[in-house]
Amino acid sequence: MNSKQDENSAINATIEYRGETLEQLRMRRAMVAVKLDFQKEALQSKAQQVIGEHSGKGSVLGAVLGTSTSKYPLVGYMLTGLKVARVAFNIIRLFRRKR
């Protein structure tokens, strides 16, 4: 019976969580930011490899992704987004019902 009482007291015991200090939260945020930077850099290097492999003259992927490797990467990304959006809107327009 003693073990039964121990089980009940363990179940009914309240666990006190004191939280984290501001210093700990700042440290965690900094660590996450560093991890994100490393992952972003790894992803960019993989993307460069894919672009390099598929950037032939007749390659569609090279034509679309090649714009993002220009001298001004932000402009390249915007142009790529516009190309993709234009294609997506054309596809949506095909499936839209006529009223």
N, C-alpha and C. Protein backbone atom coordinates (compact mmCIF):
# COMPACT_ATOMS: atom_id res chain seq x y z
N MET A 1 0.80 -1.20 0.00
CA MET A 1 0.00 0.00 0.00
C MET A 1 0.84 1.27 0.00
N ASN A 2 2.01 1.14 0.53
CA ASN A 2 2.88 2.30 0.58
C ASN A 2 3.25 2.77 -0.82
N SER A 3 3.47 1.84 -1.73
CA SER A 3 3.81 2.23 -3.10
C SER A 3 2.64 2.92 -3.78
N LYS A 4 1.43 2.49 -3.45
CA LYS A 4 0.23 3.13 -4.01
C LYS A 4 0.12 4.58 -3.55
N GLN A 5 0.44 4.83 -2.29
CA GLN A 5 0.40 6.19 -1.77
C GLN A 5 1.48 7.05 -2.43
N ASP A 6 2.66 6.44 -2.66
CA ASP A 6 3.73 7.18 -3.33
C ASP A 6 3.33 7.56 -4.75
N GLU A 7 2.66 6.64 -5.44
CA GLU A 7 2.19 6.94 -6.80
C GLU A 7 1.21 8.09 -6.79
N ASN A 8 0.24 8.05 -5.88
CA ASN A 8 -0.76 9.11 -5.81
C ASN A 8 -0.14 10.45 -5.45
N SER A 9 0.82 10.45 -4.54
CA SER A 9 1.45 11.71 -4.16
C SER A 9 2.30 12.25 -5.31
N ALA A 10 2.92 11.35 -6.09
CA ALA A 10 3.72 11.79 -7.24
C ALA A 10 2.82 12.37 -8.32
N ILE A 11 1.65 11.80 -8.53
CA ILE A 11 0.72 12.29 -9.54
C ILE A 11 0.14 13.64 -9.13
N ASN A 12 -0.18 13.79 -7.86
CA ASN A 12 -0.82 15.01 -7.39
C ASN A 12 0.17 16.12 -7.05
N ALA A 13 1.45 15.84 -7.07
CA ALA A 13 2.44 16.85 -6.74
C ALA A 13 2.50 17.90 -7.85
N THR A 14 2.64 19.12 -7.44
CA THR A 14 2.74 20.20 -8.42
C THR A 14 4.20 20.41 -8.77
N ILE A 15 4.45 20.62 -10.05
CA ILE A 15 5.80 20.86 -10.52
C ILE A 15 5.97 22.36 -10.68
N GLU A 16 6.97 22.90 -10.03
CA GLU A 16 7.21 24.32 -10.11
C GLU A 16 8.17 24.61 -11.25
N TYR A 17 7.75 25.46 -12.15
CA TYR A 17 8.59 25.89 -13.26
C TYR A 17 8.86 27.36 -13.07
N ARG A 18 10.08 27.69 -12.88
CA ARG A 18 10.44 29.07 -12.59
C ARG A 18 10.67 29.89 -13.86
N GLY A 19 10.66 29.24 -15.01
CA GLY A 19 10.86 29.98 -16.25
C GLY A 19 12.33 30.19 -16.55
N GLU A 20 12.59 31.04 -17.50
CA GLU A 20 13.96 31.33 -17.91
C GLU A 20 14.24 32.81 -17.71
N THR A 21 15.47 33.11 -17.47
CA THR A 21 15.85 34.51 -17.29
C THR A 21 15.98 35.17 -18.66
N LEU A 22 16.03 36.48 -18.64
CA LEU A 22 16.20 37.21 -19.90
C LEU A 22 17.53 36.87 -20.56
N GLU A 23 18.55 36.65 -19.74
CA GLU A 23 19.86 36.27 -20.28
C GLU A 23 19.78 34.95 -21.03
N GLN A 24 19.06 33.97 -20.47
CA GLN A 24 18.91 32.67 -21.12
C GLN A 24 18.11 32.80 -22.42
N LEU A 25 17.07 33.62 -22.40
CA LEU A 25 16.27 33.82 -23.61
C LEU A 25 17.09 34.49 -24.72
N ARG A 26 17.89 35.47 -24.35
CA ARG A 26 18.75 36.14 -25.33
C ARG A 26 19.77 35.17 -25.92
N MET A 27 20.34 34.33 -25.05
CA MET A 27 21.33 33.36 -25.51
C MET A 27 20.69 32.36 -26.46
N ARG A 28 19.49 31.90 -26.13
CA ARG A 28 18.79 30.95 -27.00
C ARG A 28 18.46 31.60 -28.35
N ARG A 29 18.02 32.84 -28.33
CA ARG A 29 17.71 33.55 -29.57
C ARG A 29 18.95 33.71 -30.43
N ALA A 30 20.08 34.01 -29.81
CA ALA A 30 21.33 34.15 -30.56
C ALA A 30 21.76 32.82 -31.17
N MET A 31 21.60 31.73 -30.41
CA MET A 31 21.97 30.41 -30.93
C MET A 31 21.10 30.02 -32.10
N VAL A 32 19.82 30.31 -32.03
CA VAL A 32 18.91 30.00 -33.13
C VAL A 32 19.26 30.82 -34.37
N ALA A 33 19.62 32.08 -34.16
CA ALA A 33 19.99 32.93 -35.29
C ALA A 33 21.24 32.40 -35.98
N VAL A 34 22.21 31.92 -35.20
CA VAL A 34 23.43 31.36 -35.78
C VAL A 34 23.11 30.09 -36.56
N LYS A 35 22.26 29.23 -35.99
CA LYS A 35 21.87 28.00 -36.69
C LYS A 35 21.18 28.33 -38.00
N LEU A 36 20.29 29.33 -37.99
CA LEU A 36 19.59 29.73 -39.21
C LEU A 36 20.56 30.24 -40.27
N ASP A 37 21.57 31.00 -39.84
CA ASP A 37 22.56 31.49 -40.79
C ASP A 37 23.33 30.35 -41.44
N PHE A 38 23.71 29.35 -40.63
CA PHE A 38 24.42 28.20 -41.18
C PHE A 38 23.54 27.43 -42.16
N GLN A 39 22.27 27.23 -41.81
CA GLN A 39 21.37 26.51 -42.69
C GLN A 39 21.12 27.30 -43.98
N LYS A 40 20.99 28.62 -43.87
CA LYS A 40 20.77 29.45 -45.06
C LYS A 40 21.98 29.37 -45.99
N GLU A 41 23.18 29.41 -45.40
CA GLU A 41 24.39 29.34 -46.22
C GLU A 41 24.51 27.98 -46.92
N ALA A 42 24.18 26.91 -46.19
CA ALA A 42 24.23 25.57 -46.79
C ALA A 42 23.21 25.46 -47.92
N LEU A 43 22.01 26.00 -47.71
CA LEU A 43 20.98 25.94 -48.73
C LEU A 43 21.37 26.75 -49.96
N GLN A 44 21.98 27.90 -49.76
CA GLN A 44 22.42 28.71 -50.89
C GLN A 44 23.51 28.01 -51.69
N SER A 45 24.42 27.33 -50.99
CA SER A 45 25.48 26.63 -51.73
C SER A 45 24.90 25.46 -52.53
N LYS A 46 23.91 24.77 -51.96
CA LYS A 46 23.26 23.68 -52.70
C LYS A 46 22.50 24.23 -53.90
N ALA A 47 21.86 25.37 -53.73
CA ALA A 47 21.13 25.99 -54.84
C ALA A 47 22.09 26.39 -55.95
N GLN A 48 23.24 26.92 -55.59
CA GLN A 48 24.24 27.29 -56.60
C GLN A 48 24.71 26.06 -57.37
N GLN A 49 24.86 24.93 -56.67
CA GLN A 49 25.26 23.70 -57.34
C GLN A 49 24.19 23.26 -58.33
N VAL A 50 22.92 23.32 -57.92
CA VAL A 50 21.82 22.92 -58.81
C VAL A 50 21.75 23.84 -60.01
N ILE A 51 21.89 25.13 -59.78
CA ILE A 51 21.86 26.09 -60.88
C ILE A 51 23.01 25.85 -61.83
N GLY A 52 24.17 25.56 -61.27
CA GLY A 52 25.34 25.31 -62.11
C GLY A 52 25.18 24.06 -62.95
N GLU A 53 24.54 23.02 -62.39
CA GLU A 53 24.35 21.77 -63.12
C GLU A 53 23.32 21.90 -64.23
N HIS A 54 22.30 22.73 -64.03
CA HIS A 54 21.18 22.80 -64.96
C HIS A 54 21.11 24.13 -65.71
N SER A 55 22.22 24.79 -65.86
CA SER A 55 22.16 26.09 -66.51
C SER A 55 22.60 26.02 -67.97
N GLY A 56 22.10 25.03 -68.67
CA GLY A 56 22.39 24.92 -70.10
C GLY A 56 21.57 25.90 -70.90
N LYS A 57 21.83 25.98 -72.20
CA LYS A 57 21.10 26.92 -73.05
C LYS A 57 19.62 26.60 -73.13
N GLY A 58 19.30 25.32 -73.29
CA GLY A 58 17.90 24.95 -73.47
C GLY A 58 17.20 24.57 -72.18
N SER A 59 17.84 24.77 -71.04
CA SER A 59 17.27 24.34 -69.78
C SER A 59 16.27 25.36 -69.25
N VAL A 60 15.08 24.90 -68.93
CA VAL A 60 14.06 25.79 -68.37
C VAL A 60 14.45 26.20 -66.97
N LEU A 61 14.97 25.22 -66.19
CA LEU A 61 15.36 25.52 -64.81
C LEU A 61 16.48 26.56 -64.78
N GLY A 62 17.42 26.43 -65.70
CA GLY A 62 18.50 27.41 -65.77
C GLY A 62 17.99 28.78 -66.16
N ALA A 63 16.98 28.81 -67.03
CA ALA A 63 16.42 30.09 -67.45
C ALA A 63 15.68 30.77 -66.31
N VAL A 64 14.96 29.99 -65.52
CA VAL A 64 14.20 30.58 -64.41
C VAL A 64 15.12 30.93 -63.25
N LEU A 65 15.97 29.98 -62.85
CA LEU A 65 16.83 30.21 -61.69
C LEU A 65 18.04 31.05 -62.03
N GLY A 66 18.41 31.13 -63.28
CA GLY A 66 19.58 31.90 -63.67
C GLY A 66 19.44 33.38 -63.40
N THR A 67 18.22 33.88 -63.36
CA THR A 67 18.03 35.30 -63.10
C THR A 67 18.38 35.65 -61.67
N SER A 68 18.31 34.68 -60.75
CA SER A 68 18.60 34.98 -59.34
C SER A 68 20.09 35.02 -59.07
N THR A 69 20.93 34.71 -60.06
CA THR A 69 22.37 34.74 -59.86
C THR A 69 22.99 35.96 -60.50
N SER A 70 22.21 36.98 -60.74
CA SER A 70 22.73 38.18 -61.38
C SER A 70 23.57 38.99 -60.39
N LYS A 71 24.04 40.12 -60.82
CA LYS A 71 24.87 40.98 -59.97
C LYS A 71 24.06 41.52 -58.79
N TYR A 72 22.77 41.73 -59.00
CA TYR A 72 21.88 42.22 -57.95
C TYR A 72 20.89 41.11 -57.61
N PRO A 73 21.18 40.32 -56.57
CA PRO A 73 20.34 39.14 -56.31
C PRO A 73 18.89 39.47 -55.97
N LEU A 74 18.65 40.58 -55.30
CA LEU A 74 17.27 40.93 -54.95
C LEU A 74 16.43 41.15 -56.20
N VAL A 75 17.00 41.82 -57.19
CA VAL A 75 16.30 42.05 -58.44
C VAL A 75 16.04 40.72 -59.15
N GLY A 76 17.02 39.83 -59.10
CA GLY A 76 16.84 38.52 -59.70
C GLY A 76 15.72 37.74 -59.06
N TYR A 77 15.65 37.78 -57.73
CA TYR A 77 14.57 37.08 -57.04
C TYR A 77 13.22 37.69 -57.39
N MET A 78 13.17 39.00 -57.51
CA MET A 78 11.91 39.64 -57.86
C MET A 78 11.47 39.23 -59.27
N LEU A 79 12.41 39.20 -60.20
CA LEU A 79 12.07 38.79 -61.56
C LEU A 79 11.61 37.34 -61.61
N THR A 80 12.28 36.48 -60.84
CA THR A 80 11.87 35.08 -60.78
C THR A 80 10.47 34.96 -60.20
N GLY A 81 10.19 35.73 -59.15
CA GLY A 81 8.86 35.71 -58.56
C GLY A 81 7.79 36.17 -59.52
N LEU A 82 8.10 37.19 -60.30
CA LEU A 82 7.14 37.68 -61.29
C LEU A 82 6.88 36.64 -62.38
N LYS A 83 7.94 35.95 -62.82
CA LYS A 83 7.76 34.91 -63.83
C LYS A 83 6.87 33.79 -63.30
N VAL A 84 7.15 33.35 -62.08
CA VAL A 84 6.36 32.27 -61.49
C VAL A 84 4.92 32.72 -61.28
N ALA A 85 4.74 33.95 -60.80
CA ALA A 85 3.38 34.46 -60.56
C ALA A 85 2.60 34.55 -61.86
N ARG A 86 3.24 35.00 -62.92
CA ARG A 86 2.56 35.12 -64.21
C ARG A 86 2.07 33.76 -64.69
N VAL A 87 2.92 32.75 -64.58
CA VAL A 87 2.53 31.39 -64.99
C VAL A 87 1.39 30.89 -64.12
N ALA A 88 1.50 31.13 -62.80
CA ALA A 88 0.46 30.66 -61.88
C ALA A 88 -0.88 31.33 -62.18
N PHE A 89 -0.88 32.64 -62.45
CA PHE A 89 -2.13 33.34 -62.76
C PHE A 89 -2.73 32.84 -64.07
N ASN A 90 -1.90 32.52 -65.04
CA ASN A 90 -2.42 31.98 -66.29
C ASN A 90 -3.07 30.62 -66.07
N ILE A 91 -2.46 29.80 -65.24
CA ILE A 91 -3.05 28.49 -64.95
C ILE A 91 -4.36 28.65 -64.20
N ILE A 92 -4.40 29.56 -63.23
CA ILE A 92 -5.64 29.80 -62.48
C ILE A 92 -6.72 30.30 -63.41
N ARG A 93 -6.36 31.17 -64.34
CA ARG A 93 -7.33 31.72 -65.29
C ARG A 93 -7.93 30.63 -66.17
N LEU A 94 -7.14 29.61 -66.51
CA LEU A 94 -7.64 28.50 -67.32
C LEU A 94 -8.74 27.73 -66.60
N PHE A 95 -8.60 27.57 -65.28
CA PHE A 95 -9.56 26.76 -64.54
C PHE A 95 -10.72 27.57 -63.95
N ARG A 96 -10.67 28.87 -64.09
CA ARG A 96 -11.75 29.71 -63.55
C ARG A 96 -12.99 29.57 -64.42
N ARG A 97 -14.13 29.49 -63.79
CA ARG A 97 -15.39 29.39 -64.55
C ARG A 97 -15.75 30.73 -65.16
N LYS A 98 -16.33 30.64 -66.33
CA LYS A 98 -16.81 31.87 -66.96
C LYS A 98 -18.23 32.12 -66.49
N ARG A 99 -18.54 33.35 -66.20
CA ARG A 99 -19.87 33.68 -65.66
C ARG A 99 -20.77 34.18 -66.74
